Amino acid sequence: MGGVVATFRNGRVELAVPVDWPDGTRVEVTPIESQQQAVDWLSLPPLDVGTFREPTAEDDLLGEMLDDPRT
């Protein structure tokens, strides 16, 4: 027997999909993070990655990544 996602609304738990559990089946209800909390990382300030220039045919992008001193 698997779990399902539900929403608590107007004092009731509304299941996202119908279930075929027998009447009287005991369940455990645990709140999960709200949608706002789940996307808090989206509100991080933008990261400055410097200026962008279009790559040219002479650029060796793979070589630059492999020679990266950070690795």
Protein backbone atom coordinates (compact mmCIF):
# COMPACT_ATOMS: atom_id res chain seq x y z
CA MET A 1 0.00 0.00 0.00
CA GLY A 2 1.66 3.22 -1.14
CA GLY A 3 1.23 6.77 0.00
CA VAL A 4 -0.39 9.63 -1.87
CA VAL A 5 -0.01 13.39 -1.84
CA ALA A 6 -2.78 15.40 -0.24
CA THR A 7 -3.65 19.02 0.57
CA PHE A 8 -5.16 20.27 3.81
CA ARG A 9 -7.93 22.71 2.88
CA ASN A 10 -10.90 24.02 4.90
CA GLY A 11 -10.23 21.58 7.73
CA ARG A 12 -10.14 18.50 5.48
CA VAL A 13 -7.41 16.41 3.89
CA GLU A 14 -8.00 16.21 0.13
CA LEU A 15 -6.18 13.36 -1.61
CA ALA A 16 -4.66 14.20 -5.00
CA VAL A 17 -5.77 10.87 -6.49
CA PRO A 18 -8.45 8.30 -5.61
CA VAL A 19 -7.31 5.34 -3.51
CA ASP A 20 -8.73 1.84 -3.09
CA TRP A 21 -7.82 1.39 0.57
CA PRO A 22 -10.28 -0.57 2.70
CA ASP A 23 -12.65 1.47 4.86
CA GLY A 24 -11.12 2.02 8.28
CA THR A 25 -7.52 2.04 7.02
CA ARG A 26 -5.39 4.02 9.46
CA VAL A 27 -3.20 6.70 7.91
CA GLU A 28 -0.45 9.00 9.14
CA VAL A 29 -0.63 12.66 8.12
CA THR A 30 2.57 14.70 8.33
CA PRO A 31 2.83 18.23 6.94
CA ILE A 32 5.59 18.81 4.39
CA GLU A 33 7.28 22.08 3.49
CA SER A 34 5.00 24.60 1.91
CA GLN A 35 5.57 25.48 -1.72
CA GLN A 36 7.00 28.82 -0.62
CA GLN A 37 9.61 27.14 1.57
CA ALA A 38 10.45 24.64 -1.15
CA VAL A 39 11.40 27.39 -3.61
CA ASP A 40 13.25 29.71 -1.24
CA TRP A 41 16.51 28.91 -3.01
CA LEU A 42 15.07 30.64 -6.08
CA SER A 43 15.12 33.92 -4.20
CA LEU A 44 18.89 33.89 -3.75
CA PRO A 45 20.60 37.02 -5.06
CA PRO A 46 22.00 36.74 -8.58
CA LEU A 47 25.58 35.56 -8.94
CA ASP A 48 27.95 37.74 -10.91
CA VAL A 49 29.79 35.47 -13.32
CA GLY A 50 31.56 38.26 -15.17
CA THR A 51 31.15 39.32 -18.74
CA PHE A 52 30.11 37.02 -21.55
CA ARG A 53 31.70 36.88 -24.96
CA GLU A 54 30.65 34.76 -27.88
CA PRO A 55 32.98 31.79 -28.37
CA THR A 56 34.92 31.68 -31.62
CA ALA A 57 36.24 28.77 -33.67
CA GLU A 58 39.68 29.31 -32.10
CA ASP A 59 38.37 28.75 -28.55
CA ASP A 60 39.22 25.39 -27.00
CA LEU A 61 36.36 25.26 -24.48
CA LEU A 62 36.92 21.63 -23.52
CA GLY A 63 40.64 22.27 -23.03
CA GLU A 64 39.90 25.28 -20.84
CA MET A 65 37.56 23.22 -18.66
CA LEU A 66 40.10 20.41 -18.35
CA ASP A 67 42.87 22.87 -17.44
CA ASP A 68 40.74 24.61 -14.82
CA PRO A 69 42.98 25.13 -11.74
CA ARG A 70 39.94 24.80 -9.42
CA THR A 71 39.82 21.04 -9.98
